[in-house]
C-alpha atoms as a PDB file:
ATOM      1  CA  MET A   1      83.925  45.043 168.776  1.00  0.00           C
ATOM      2  CA  SER A   2      86.073  43.761 165.877  1.00  0.00           C
ATOM      3  CA  ALA A   3      86.001  40.120 164.861  1.00  0.00           C
ATOM      4  CA  SER A   4      88.766  37.951 166.297  1.00  0.00           C
ATOM      5  CA  ILE A   5      91.708  37.196 164.054  1.00  0.00           C
ATOM      6  CA  ALA A   6      93.216  33.724 163.828  1.00  0.00           C
ATOM      7  CA  THR A   7      96.566  32.763 162.326  1.00  0.00           C
ATOM      8  CA  ARG A   8      97.662  29.394 161.000  1.00  0.00           C
ATOM      9  CA  ASP A   9     101.188  28.361 159.981  1.00  0.00           C
ATOM     10  CA  LEU A  10     101.222  25.684 157.292  1.00  0.00           C
ATOM     11  CA  ALA A  11     104.174  23.629 156.069  1.00  0.00           C
ATOM     12  CA  PHE A  12     104.015  22.101 152.579  1.00  0.00           C
ATOM     13  CA  GLU A  13     106.455  19.244 152.120  1.00  0.00           C
ATOM     14  CA  PRO A  14     108.317  17.770 150.392  1.00  0.00           C
ATOM     15  CA  VAL A  15     109.701  21.097 149.158  1.00  0.00           C
ATOM     16  CA  ASP A  16     110.054  20.502 145.414  1.00  0.00           C
ATOM     17  CA  ASN A  17     110.646  23.734 143.501  1.00  0.00           C
ATOM     18  CA  ALA A  18     108.689  22.681 140.409  1.00  0.00           C
ATOM     19  CA  ARG A  19     105.741  21.468 142.456  1.00  0.00           C
ATOM     20  CA  LEU A  20     105.857  24.540 144.683  1.00  0.00           C
ATOM     21  CA  ALA A  21     105.808  26.812 141.615  1.00  0.00           C
ATOM     22  CA  ASN A  22     102.775  24.942 140.296  1.00  0.00           C
ATOM     23  CA  PHE A  23     101.096  25.175 143.716  1.00  0.00           C
ATOM     24  CA  VAL A  24     101.483  28.936 144.222  1.00  0.00           C
ATOM     25  CA  GLY A  25     101.167  29.917 140.545  1.00  0.00           C
ATOM     26  CA  PRO A  26     102.994  32.691 138.659  1.00  0.00           C
ATOM     27  CA  MET A  27     103.739  35.565 141.042  1.00  0.00           C
ATOM     28  CA  ASP A  28     101.804  33.634 143.734  1.00  0.00           C
ATOM     29  CA  GLU A  29      98.629  34.088 141.652  1.00  0.00           C
ATOM     30  CA  ASN A  30      96.928  31.029 143.149  1.00  0.00           C
ATOM     31  CA  LEU A  31      97.511  32.283 146.676  1.00  0.00           C
ATOM     32  CA  ARG A  32      96.174  35.727 145.769  1.00  0.00           C
ATOM     33  CA  GLN A  33      92.983  34.134 144.438  1.00  0.00           C
ATOM     34  CA  VAL A  34      92.496  32.229 147.701  1.00  0.00           C
ATOM     35  CA  GLU A  35      93.085  35.494 149.578  1.00  0.00           C
ATOM     36  CA  GLN A  36      90.463  37.401 147.602  1.00  0.00           C
ATOM     37  CA  ARG A  37      87.825  34.698 147.534  1.00  0.00           C
ATOM     38  CA  LEU A  38      88.056  33.707 151.216  1.00  0.00           C
ATOM     39  CA  ASN A  39      88.900  37.160 152.594  1.00  0.00           C
ATOM     40  CA  VAL A  40      92.122  36.103 154.315  1.00  0.00           C
ATOM     41  CA  GLN A  41      95.762  37.188 154.211  1.00  0.00           C
ATOM     42  CA  VAL A  42      98.277  34.667 152.867  1.00  0.00           C
ATOM     43  CA  ARG A  43     102.029  35.133 153.266  1.00  0.00           C
ATOM     44  CA  ARG A  44     104.543  32.659 151.914  1.00  0.00           C
ATOM     45  CA  ARG A  45     108.235  31.981 152.502  1.00  0.00           C
ATOM     46  CA  GLY A  46     109.497  28.930 150.671  1.00  0.00           C
ATOM     47  CA  GLY A  47     107.343  25.959 151.638  1.00  0.00           C
ATOM     48  CA  TRP A  48     105.860  27.779 154.654  1.00  0.00           C
ATOM     49  CA  VAL A  49     102.565  29.633 154.376  1.00  0.00           C
ATOM     50  CA  GLU A  50     100.923  31.834 157.020  1.00  0.00           C
ATOM     51  CA  VAL A  51      97.158  32.372 156.791  1.00  0.00           C
ATOM     52  CA  SER A  52      95.334  34.964 158.900  1.00  0.00           C
ATOM     53  CA  GLY A  53      91.718  36.065 159.054  1.00  0.00           C
ATOM     54  CA  THR A  54      88.556  35.153 160.910  1.00  0.00           C
ATOM     55  CA  PRO A  55      88.664  31.671 162.475  1.00  0.00           C
ATOM     56  CA  GLU A  56      86.149  30.289 159.961  1.00  0.00           C
ATOM     57  CA  ALA A  57      87.952  31.798 156.964  1.00  0.00           C
ATOM     58  CA  THR A  58      91.386  30.567 158.027  1.00  0.00           C
ATOM     59  CA  VAL A  59      90.074  27.019 158.492  1.00  0.00           C
ATOM     60  CA  ALA A  60      88.520  27.108 155.006  1.00  0.00           C
ATOM     61  CA  ALA A  61      91.714  28.552 153.514  1.00  0.00           C
ATOM     62  CA  GLU A  62      93.833  25.832 155.121  1.00  0.00           C
ATOM     63  CA  HIS A  63      91.605  23.115 153.675  1.00  0.00           C
ATOM     64  CA  VAL A  64      91.735  24.703 150.214  1.00  0.00           C
ATOM     65  CA  LEU A  65      95.512  25.193 150.267  1.00  0.00           C
ATOM     66  CA  ARG A  66      96.177  21.632 151.396  1.00  0.00           C
ATOM     67  CA  HIS A  67      93.816  20.363 148.700  1.00  0.00           C
ATOM     68  CA  LEU A  68      95.598  22.442 146.045  1.00  0.00           C
ATOM     69  CA  PHE A  69      99.013  21.211 147.207  1.00  0.00           C
ATOM     70  CA  GLU A  70      97.836  17.608 146.830  1.00  0.00           C
ATOM     71  CA  LEU A  71      96.578  18.364 143.330  1.00  0.00           C
ATOM     72  CA  SER A  72      99.804  20.150 142.401  1.00  0.00           C
ATOM     73  CA  GLY A  73     101.639  16.833 142.488  1.00  0.00           C
ATOM     74  CA  SER A  74      99.553  15.363 139.671  1.00  0.00           C
ATOM     75  CA  GLU A  75      98.163  18.205 137.540  1.00  0.00           C
ATOM     76  CA  ALA A  76      98.917  21.738 136.426  1.00  0.00           C
ATOM     77  CA  LEU A  77      96.930  24.181 138.525  1.00  0.00           C
ATOM     78  CA  THR A  78      95.058  26.808 136.519  1.00  0.00           C
ATOM     79  CA  PRO A  79      93.000  29.769 137.798  1.00  0.00           C
ATOM     80  CA  ASP A  80      89.866  27.796 136.900  1.00  0.00           C
ATOM     81  CA  ARG A  81      90.998  24.819 138.973  1.00  0.00           C
ATOM     82  CA  VAL A  82      91.763  27.072 141.947  1.00  0.00           C
ATOM     83  CA  HIS A  83      88.338  28.702 141.555  1.00  0.00           C
ATOM     84  CA  LEU A  84      86.629  25.299 141.680  1.00  0.00           C
ATOM     85  CA  ALA A  85      88.587  24.286 144.784  1.00  0.00           C
ATOM     86  CA  VAL A  86      87.535  27.482 146.570  1.00  0.00           C
ATOM     87  CA  GLN A  87      83.970  27.005 145.355  1.00  0.00           C
ATOM     88  CA  GLU A  88      83.849  23.500 146.814  1.00  0.00           C
ATOM     89  CA  ALA A  89      84.939  24.925 150.164  1.00  0.00           C
ATOM     90  CA  HIS A  90      81.935  27.271 150.054  1.00  0.00           C
ATOM     91  CA  MET A  91      79.547  24.437 149.123  1.00  0.00           C
ATOM     92  CA  ASP A  92      80.809  21.832 151.525  1.00  0.00           C
ATOM     93  CA  PRO A  93      82.079  23.157 154.878  1.00  0.00           C
ATOM     94  CA  GLY A  94      84.850  21.100 156.386  1.00  0.00           C
ATOM     95  CA  PRO A  95      87.952  19.484 154.951  1.00  0.00           C
ATOM     96  CA  VAL A  96      88.240  19.319 151.177  1.00  0.00           C
ATOM     97  CA  VAL A  97      89.671  15.902 150.448  1.00  0.00           C
ATOM     98  CA  VAL A  98      91.148  14.517 147.257  1.00  0.00           C
ATOM     99  CA  THR A  99      89.885  10.998 147.694  1.00  0.00           C
ATOM    100  CA  ARG A 100      86.200  10.349 147.207  1.00  0.00           C
ATOM    101  CA  ALA A 101      83.817   8.633 149.573  1.00  0.00           C
ATOM    102  CA  ALA A 102      82.965   5.024 148.820  1.00  0.00           C
ATOM    103  CA  ASP A 103      79.359   5.904 147.986  1.00  0.00           C
ATOM    104  CA  GLU A 104      80.181   8.932 145.827  1.00  0.00           C
ATOM    105  CA  VAL A 105      79.140   8.555 142.194  1.00  0.00           C
ATOM    106  CA  THR A 106      81.794   9.126 139.536  1.00  0.00           C
ATOM    107  CA  ILE A 107      80.777   9.305 135.869  1.00  0.00           C
ATOM    108  CA  HIS A 108      83.212   7.719 133.420  1.00  0.00           C
ATOM    109  CA  THR A 109      83.352   9.101 129.877  1.00  0.00           C
ATOM    110  CA  GLN A 110      86.061   9.519 127.241  1.00  0.00           C
ATOM    111  CA  ARG A 111      86.816  12.853 128.877  1.00  0.00           C
ATOM    112  CA  GLY A 112      87.711  10.996 132.064  1.00  0.00           C
ATOM    113  CA  GLY A 113      86.058  10.816 135.464  1.00  0.00           C
ATOM    114  CA  ILE A 114      83.419  13.402 136.324  1.00  0.00           C
ATOM    115  CA  ARG A 115      82.261  13.777 139.920  1.00  0.00           C
ATOM    116  CA  GLY A 116      79.918  16.073 141.753  1.00  0.00           C
ATOM    117  CA  ARG A 117      81.290  19.244 143.322  1.00  0.00           C
ATOM    118  CA  GLY A 118      79.604  19.913 146.624  1.00  0.00           C
ATOM    119  CA  PRO A 119      76.777  18.035 148.354  1.00  0.00           C
ATOM    120  CA  ASN A 120      73.992  19.069 145.949  1.00  0.00           C
ATOM    121  CA  GLN A 121      75.809  17.901 142.822  1.00  0.00           C
ATOM    122  CA  ARG A 122      76.751  14.640 144.542  1.00  0.00           C
ATOM    123  CA  GLN A 123      73.142  14.114 145.601  1.00  0.00           C
ATOM    124  CA  TYR A 124      71.996  14.902 142.062  1.00  0.00           C
ATOM    125  CA  LEU A 125      74.266  12.226 140.568  1.00  0.00           C
ATOM    126  CA  ALA A 126      73.173   9.719 143.197  1.00  0.00           C
ATOM    127  CA  ASN A 127      69.515  10.472 142.406  1.00  0.00           C
ATOM    128  CA  ILE A 128      70.080   9.963 138.676  1.00  0.00           C
ATOM    129  CA  HIS A 129      71.720   6.593 139.325  1.00  0.00           C
ATOM    130  CA  THR A 130      69.070   5.308 141.711  1.00  0.00           C
ATOM    131  CA  CYS A 131      65.824   6.857 140.432  1.00  0.00           C
ATOM    132  CA  ASP A 132      64.050   6.565 137.095  1.00  0.00           C
ATOM    133  CA  LEU A 133      62.977  10.223 137.121  1.00  0.00           C
ATOM    134  CA  THR A 134      65.154  13.012 138.512  1.00  0.00           C
ATOM    135  CA  PHE A 135      64.549  16.752 138.622  1.00  0.00           C
ATOM    136  CA  GLY A 136      67.469  19.190 138.833  1.00  0.00           C
ATOM    137  CA  ILE A 137      66.181  22.683 139.647  1.00  0.00           C
ATOM    138  CA  GLY A 138      68.266  25.792 140.202  1.00  0.00           C
ATOM    139  CA  PRO A 139      70.137  28.732 138.674  1.00  0.00           C
ATOM    140  CA  ALA A 140      72.436  28.762 135.662  1.00  0.00           C
ATOM    141  CA  GLY A 141      75.943  27.408 136.108  1.00  0.00           C
ATOM    142  CA  THR A 142      75.169  24.734 138.687  1.00  0.00           C
ATOM    143  CA  GLY A 143      75.932  21.792 136.366  1.00  0.00           C
ATOM    144  CA  LYS A 144      72.354  20.523 135.989  1.00  0.00           C
ATOM    145  CA  THR A 145      72.504  19.892 132.235  1.00  0.00           C
ATOM    146  CA  TYR A 146      76.189  18.979 132.029  1.00  0.00           C
ATOM    147  CA  LEU A 147      75.948  16.262 134.679  1.00  0.00           C
ATOM    148  CA  ALA A 148      72.734  14.889 133.163  1.00  0.00           C
ATOM    149  CA  VAL A 149      74.431  14.595 129.763  1.00  0.00           C
ATOM    150  CA  ALA A 150      77.456  12.931 131.400  1.00  0.00           C
ATOM    151  CA  CYS A 151      75.172  10.317 132.970  1.00  0.00           C
ATOM    152  CA  ALA A 152      73.438   9.774 129.618  1.00  0.00           C
ATOM    153  CA  VAL A 153      76.760   9.275 127.787  1.00  0.00           C
ATOM    154  CA  GLU A 154      77.969   6.794 130.401  1.00  0.00           C
ATOM    155  CA  ALA A 155      74.679   4.863 130.224  1.00  0.00           C
ATOM    156  CA  LEU A 156      74.959   4.685 126.421  1.00  0.00           C
ATOM    157  CA  GLN A 157      78.596   3.608 126.438  1.00  0.00           C
ATOM    158  CA  THR A 158      77.919   0.863 128.987  1.00  0.00           C
ATOM    159  CA  ASP A 159      74.854  -0.391 127.048  1.00  0.00           C
ATOM    160  CA  ARG A 160      72.411   0.396 129.830  1.00  0.00           C
ATOM    161  CA  VAL A 161      70.342   2.300 127.264  1.00  0.00           C
ATOM    162  CA  ARG A 162      70.159   2.122 123.473  1.00  0.00           C
ATOM    163  CA  ARG A 163      69.797   5.819 122.761  1.00  0.00           C
ATOM    164  CA  ILE A 164      69.872   9.319 124.188  1.00  0.00           C
ATOM    165  CA  VAL A 165      66.864  11.552 123.572  1.00  0.00           C
ATOM    166  CA  LEU A 166      67.373  15.315 123.992  1.00  0.00           C
ATOM    167  CA  VAL A 167      64.194  17.335 124.476  1.00  0.00           C
ATOM    168  CA  ARG A 168      63.664  21.043 124.908  1.00  0.00           C
ATOM    169  CA  PRO A 169      60.663  23.339 124.520  1.00  0.00           C
ATOM    170  CA  ALA A 170      61.196  25.733 121.596  1.00  0.00           C
ATOM    171  CA  VAL A 171      60.388  28.887 123.555  1.00  0.00           C
ATOM    172  CA  GLU A 172      62.339  32.004 122.629  1.00  0.00           C
ATOM    173  CA  ALA A 173      64.002  33.906 125.471  1.00  0.00           C
ATOM    174  CA  GLY A 174      62.279  37.245 125.018  1.00  0.00           C
ATOM    175  CA  GLU A 175      63.076  37.356 121.305  1.00  0.00           C
ATOM    176  CA  ARG A 176      61.201  36.676 118.078  1.00  0.00           C
ATOM    177  CA  LEU A 177      63.451  34.656 115.813  1.00  0.00           C
ATOM    178  CA  GLY A 178      60.888  34.233 113.053  1.00  0.00           C
ATOM    179  CA  PHE A 179      61.210  31.496 110.423  1.00  0.00           C
ATOM    180  CA  LEU A 180      64.171  29.143 110.836  1.00  0.00           C
ATOM    181  CA  PRO A 181      65.326  27.295 107.683  1.00  0.00           C
ATOM    182  CA  GLY A 182      66.154  23.591 107.405  1.00  0.00           C
ATOM    183  CA  ASP A 183      64.662  20.304 108.575  1.00  0.00           C
ATOM    184  CA  ILE A 184      63.227  19.815 112.056  1.00  0.00           C
ATOM    185  CA  GLY A 185      66.629  18.904 113.504  1.00  0.00           C
ATOM    186  CA  GLN A 186      68.217  22.057 112.118  1.00  0.00           C
ATOM    187  CA  LYS A 187      65.323  24.184 113.340  1.00  0.00           C
ATOM    188  CA  VAL A 188      65.609  22.984 116.925  1.00  0.00           C
ATOM    189  CA  ASP A 189      69.431  22.742 117.032  1.00  0.00           C
ATOM    190  CA  PRO A 190      69.889  26.308 118.373  1.00  0.00           C
ATOM    191  CA  TYR A 191      67.678  25.473 121.356  1.00  0.00           C
ATOM    192  CA  LEU A 192      69.703  22.333 122.145  1.00  0.00           C
ATOM    193  CA  ARG A 193      73.149  23.905 121.841  1.00  0.00           C
ATOM    194  CA  PRO A 194      74.037  23.608 125.570  1.00  0.00           C
ATOM    195  CA  MET A 195      73.440  19.846 125.460  1.00  0.00           C
ATOM    196  CA  TYR A 196      75.365  19.514 122.200  1.00  0.00           C
ATOM    197  CA  ASP A 197      78.307  21.369 123.747  1.00  0.00           C
ATOM    198  CA  ALA A 198      78.371  18.897 126.632  1.00  0.00           C
ATOM    199  CA  LEU A 199      78.154  15.938 124.211  1.00  0.00           C
ATOM    200  CA  TYR A 200      81.029  17.266 122.103  1.00  0.00           C
ATOM    201  CA  ASP A 201      83.110  17.682 125.248  1.00  0.00           C
ATOM    202  CA  MET A 202      82.544  14.074 126.336  1.00  0.00           C
ATOM    203  CA  MET A 203      82.335  12.160 123.037  1.00  0.00           C
ATOM    204  CA  GLY A 204      84.034  14.313 120.417  1.00  0.00           C
ATOM    205  CA  PHE A 205      82.444  16.042 117.438  1.00  0.00           C
ATOM    206  CA  ASP A 206      82.741  13.131 114.966  1.00  0.00           C
ATOM    207  CA  ARG A 207      81.241  10.522 117.303  1.00  0.00           C
ATOM    208  CA  VAL A 208      78.334  12.791 118.170  1.00  0.00           C
ATOM    209  CA  ALA A 209      77.681  13.496 114.470  1.00  0.00           C
ATOM    210  CA  ARG A 210      77.654   9.768 113.660  1.00  0.00           C
ATOM    211  CA  ALA A 211      75.403   8.989 116.615  1.00  0.00           C
ATOM    212  CA  VAL A 212      72.927  11.689 115.542  1.00  0.00           C
ATOM    213  CA  GLU A 213      72.975  10.371 111.966  1.00  0.00           C
ATOM    214  CA  ARG A 214      72.170   6.842 113.196  1.00  0.00           C
ATOM    215  CA  GLN A 215      69.576   8.284 115.635  1.00  0.00           C
ATOM    216  CA  VAL A 216      71.432   6.815 118.603  1.00  0.00           C
ATOM    217  CA  ILE A 217      71.282  10.419 119.788  1.00  0.00           C
ATOM    218  CA  GLU A 218      67.888  11.836 118.913  1.00  0.00           C
ATOM    219  CA  ILE A 219      66.694  15.415 118.895  1.00  0.00           C
ATOM    220  CA  ALA A 220      63.034  15.509 119.870  1.00  0.00           C
ATOM    221  CA  PRO A 221      61.226  18.871 120.077  1.00  0.00           C
ATOM    222  CA  LEU A 222      58.845  18.717 123.009  1.00  0.00           C
ATOM    223  CA  ALA A 223      55.847  19.519 120.821  1.00  0.00           C
ATOM    224  CA  PHE A 224      56.525  16.324 118.805  1.00  0.00           C
ATOM    225  CA  MET A 225      56.682  13.967 121.785  1.00  0.00           C
ATOM    226  CA  ARG A 226      52.959  13.339 122.070  1.00  0.00           C
ATOM    227  CA  GLY A 227      51.938   9.741 121.422  1.00  0.00           C
ATOM    228  CA  ARG A 228      55.435   8.310 121.730  1.00  0.00           C
ATOM    229  CA  SER A 229      56.653   5.650 124.155  1.00  0.00           C
ATOM    230  CA  LEU A 230      60.414   5.684 124.704  1.00  0.00           C
ATOM    231  CA  ASN A 231      61.933   2.354 125.762  1.00  0.00           C
ATOM    232  CA  ASP A 232      65.580   1.746 126.741  1.00  0.00           C
ATOM    233  CA  SER A 233      66.311   5.458 126.462  1.00  0.00           C
ATOM    234  CA  PHE A 234      68.002   8.145 128.523  1.00  0.00           C
ATOM    235  CA  ILE A 235      65.772  11.196 128.109  1.00  0.00           C
ATOM    236  CA  ILE A 236      66.792  14.718 129.099  1.00  0.00           C
ATOM    237  CA  LEU A 237      64.288  17.571 129.155  1.00  0.00           C
ATOM    238  CA  ASP A 238      66.216  20.829 129.420  1.00  0.00           C
ATOM    239  CA  GLU A 239      64.845  24.317 130.185  1.00  0.00           C
ATOM    240  CA  ALA A 240      61.754  22.657 131.649  1.00  0.00           C
ATOM    241  CA  GLN A 241      60.607  25.913 133.252  1.00  0.00           C
ATOM    242  CA  ASN A 242      59.302  26.799 129.774  1.00  0.00           C
ATOM    243  CA  THR A 243      56.858  23.899 129.629  1.00  0.00           C
ATOM    244  CA  SER A 244      53.162  24.305 130.316  1.00  0.00           C
ATOM    245  CA  VAL A 245      51.464  22.067 132.873  1.00  0.00           C
ATOM    246  CA  GLU A 246      49.977  20.008 130.035  1.00  0.00           C
ATOM    247  CA  GLN A 247      53.325  19.658 128.253  1.00  0.00           C
ATOM    248  CA  MET A 248      55.071  18.517 131.426  1.00  0.00           C
ATOM    249  CA  LYS A 249      52.460  15.833 132.062  1.00  0.00           C
ATOM    250  CA  MET A 250      52.704  14.717 128.441  1.00  0.00           C
ATOM    251  CA  PHE A 251      56.483  14.443 128.636  1.00  0.00           C
ATOM    252  CA  LEU A 252      56.527  12.546 131.922  1.00  0.00           C
ATOM    253  CA  THR A 253      54.135   9.934 130.553  1.00  0.00           C
ATOM    254  CA  ARG A 254      56.415   9.157 127.561  1.00  0.00           C
ATOM    255  CA  MET A 255      58.767   6.994 129.637  1.00  0.00           C
ATOM    256  CA  GLY A 256      58.840   3.356 128.560  1.00  0.00           C
ATOM    257  CA  PHE A 257      60.491   0.244 129.969  1.00  0.00           C
ATOM    258  CA  GLY A 258      64.201   0.459 130.691  1.00  0.00           C
ATOM    259  CA  SER A 259      64.218   4.240 130.408  1.00  0.00           C
ATOM    260  CA  LYS A 260      65.527   6.965 132.664  1.00  0.00           C
ATOM    261  CA  ALA A 261      64.576  10.651 132.512  1.00  0.00           C
ATOM    262  CA  VAL A 262      66.205  13.798 133.869  1.00  0.00           C
ATOM    263  CA  VAL A 263      64.368  17.130 133.885  1.00  0.00           C
ATOM    264  CA  THR A 264      66.349  20.338 134.399  1.00  0.00           C
ATOM    265  CA  GLY A 265      65.296  23.954 134.703  1.00  0.00           C
ATOM    266  CA  ASP A 266      65.417  27.254 136.538  1.00  0.00           C
ATOM    267  CA  ILE A 267      62.029  28.521 137.692  1.00  0.00           C
ATOM    268  CA  THR A 268      63.404  32.066 137.979  1.00  0.00           C
ATOM    269  CA  GLN A 269      64.034  32.269 134.206  1.00  0.00           C
ATOM    270  CA  THR A 270      60.663  31.387 132.717  1.00  0.00           C
ATOM    271  CA  ASP A 271      59.994  32.669 129.181  1.00  0.00           C
ATOM    272  CA  LEU A 272      56.320  31.659 129.097  1.00  0.00           C
ATOM    273  CA  PRO A 273      53.621  34.290 128.560  1.00  0.00           C
ATOM    274  CA  LYS A 274      52.690  36.153 131.718  1.00  0.00           C
ATOM    275  CA  GLN A 275      50.109  34.487 133.927  1.00  0.00           C
ATOM    276  CA  GLN A 276      50.834  31.022 132.410  1.00  0.00           C
ATOM    277  CA  LEU A 277      51.868  28.522 135.075  1.00  0.00           C
ATOM    278  CA  SER A 278      55.180  26.795 134.478  1.00  0.00           C
ATOM    279  CA  GLY A 279      54.925  23.013 134.280  1.00  0.00           C
ATOM    280  CA  LEU A 280      58.146  22.722 136.271  1.00  0.00           C
ATOM    281  CA  ARG A 281      56.824  24.859 139.110  1.00  0.00           C
ATOM    282  CA  HIS A 282      53.571  22.867 139.103  1.00  0.00           C
ATOM    283  CA  VAL A 283      55.314  19.476 139.170  1.00  0.00           C
ATOM    284  CA  MET A 284      57.333  20.556 142.219  1.00  0.00           C
ATOM    285  CA  ASN A 285      54.058  20.534 144.155  1.00  0.00           C
ATOM    286  CA  VAL A 286      52.655  17.377 142.561  1.00  0.00           C
ATOM    287  CA  LEU A 287      55.379  14.713 142.537  1.00  0.00           C
ATOM    288  CA  PRO A 288      57.364  15.011 145.803  1.00  0.00           C
ATOM    289  CA  GLY A 289      56.964  11.757 147.716  1.00  0.00           C
ATOM    290  CA  VAL A 290      56.192   9.693 144.622  1.00  0.00           C
ATOM    291  CA  GLU A 291      58.332   6.533 144.624  1.00  0.00           C
ATOM    292  CA  GLY A 292      61.016   6.542 141.937  1.00  0.00           C
ATOM    293  CA  VAL A 293      61.042  10.343 141.635  1.00  0.00           C
ATOM    294  CA  ALA A 294      63.801  12.526 143.116  1.00  0.00           C
ATOM    295  CA  PHE A 295      64.311  16.295 143.315  1.00  0.00           C
ATOM    296  CA  THR A 296      67.600  18.162 143.721  1.00  0.00           C
ATOM    297  CA  GLN A 297      67.418  21.863 144.506  1.00  0.00           C
ATOM    298  CA  PHE A 298      70.492  23.891 143.565  1.00  0.00           C
ATOM    299  CA  THR A 299      71.279  27.377 144.876  1.00  0.00           C
ATOM    300  CA  SER A 300      73.692  30.166 143.957  1.00  0.00           C
ATOM    301  CA  LYS A 301      76.283  28.489 146.199  1.00  0.00           C
ATOM    302  CA  ASP A 302      76.411  25.586 143.715  1.00  0.00           C
ATOM    303  CA  VAL A 303      77.444  27.742 140.741  1.00  0.00           C
ATOM    304  CA  VAL A 304      80.680  26.336 139.286  1.00  0.00           C
ATOM    305  CA  ARG A 305      81.251  28.832 136.477  1.00  0.00           C
ATOM    306  CA  HIS A 306      83.236  32.073 136.597  1.00  0.00           C
ATOM    307  CA  PRO A 307      82.999  33.558 140.130  1.00  0.00           C
ATOM    308  CA  LEU A 308      81.209  36.583 138.657  1.00  0.00           C
ATOM    309  CA  VAL A 309      78.303  34.310 137.627  1.00  0.00           C
ATOM    310  CA  GLN A 310      77.693  33.391 141.261  1.00  0.00           C
ATOM    311  CA  ARG A 311      77.719  37.051 142.283  1.00  0.00           C
ATOM    312  CA  ILE A 312      75.287  37.919 139.457  1.00  0.00           C
ATOM    313  CA  VAL A 313      72.873  35.159 140.510  1.00  0.00           C
ATOM    314  CA  GLN A 314      73.047  36.304 144.136  1.00  0.00           C
ATOM    315  CA  ALA A 315      72.437  39.944 143.116  1.00  0.00           C
ATOM    316  CA  TYR A 316      69.308  38.976 141.184  1.00  0.00           C
ATOM    317  CA  GLU A 317      68.087  36.887 144.121  1.00  0.00           C
ATOM    318  CA  ARG A 318      68.453  39.896 146.425  1.00  0.00           C
ATOM    319  CA  SER A 319      66.845  42.423 144.085  1.00  0.00           C
ATOM    320  CA  ALA A 320      63.877  40.415 142.838  1.00  0.00           C
ATOM    321  CA  PRO A 321      62.374  37.715 145.065  1.00  0.00           C
ATOM    322  CA  ASP A 322      61.078  34.748 143.087  1.00  0.00           C
ATOM    323  CA  LYS A 323      57.533  35.221 141.819  1.00  0.00           C
ATOM    324  CA  PRO A 324      55.048  32.634 140.567  1.00  0.00           C
ATOM    325  CA  ALA A 325      55.523  32.024 136.849  1.00  0.00           C
END
């Protein structure tokens, strides 16, 4: 028996030609993207839109289209923006609203306001704000590192911390890079590039360069963290799946007074030698329930990059169930 088909007629007013053109996109490109992503049929005549498909899909499409129409009054809609709106509908069933809840965390940087997309990202930001140690665990493209850097930049700009410390284990992803020239900062720079990219986006290249020169932003290879005590710092450990159990314990005990730490990683992409237990996987069994520590688990549904990235992550999840690292 075929699935039931539902139809919804939507009116978008006021009918302003410029706004309507922004809403539907060139050659109705935005509507076609909603069609393809939500598996519905969308027909438009002027400011009237008819959506048909399964009951669940038509409800989701209506929420997305109304959300996009609201946005079209204040910003130019791009394919990326439409993708994110559809992605939020997948993450967070129910109406997609433009206004944020009173308890939703918004990060303020020079780039503007940054908020979580979907319940897991919102929970992640709330955990970072309320807990001294937060773990963000999940696949690539879920915003773990980007949101952590945004929180660090906001904390620095509002004088809640005196410096940002970026830490990453120097483990090569299946390659042997050999000798890297330069000082210790230059040697580890390639491993920290994702965090640098986020910093440049939020602070600008010149401000980041000056902050690094003054050591307000510090690059700290994980191997060099032993014996340190970091006070009044926002510390981010990225790619934590590549830490050993001993390294993870060492890092977690570096926190000093007035500091906050965020640990991010994907336990399905461990580059450690075979049979070596990942410190991130180990800590997931050790620290849950400890006061002041929070975990956020991301899934493929939280991916906010190109839609193909989400499909790639889901394909790998289906073909190779997660194995102990």
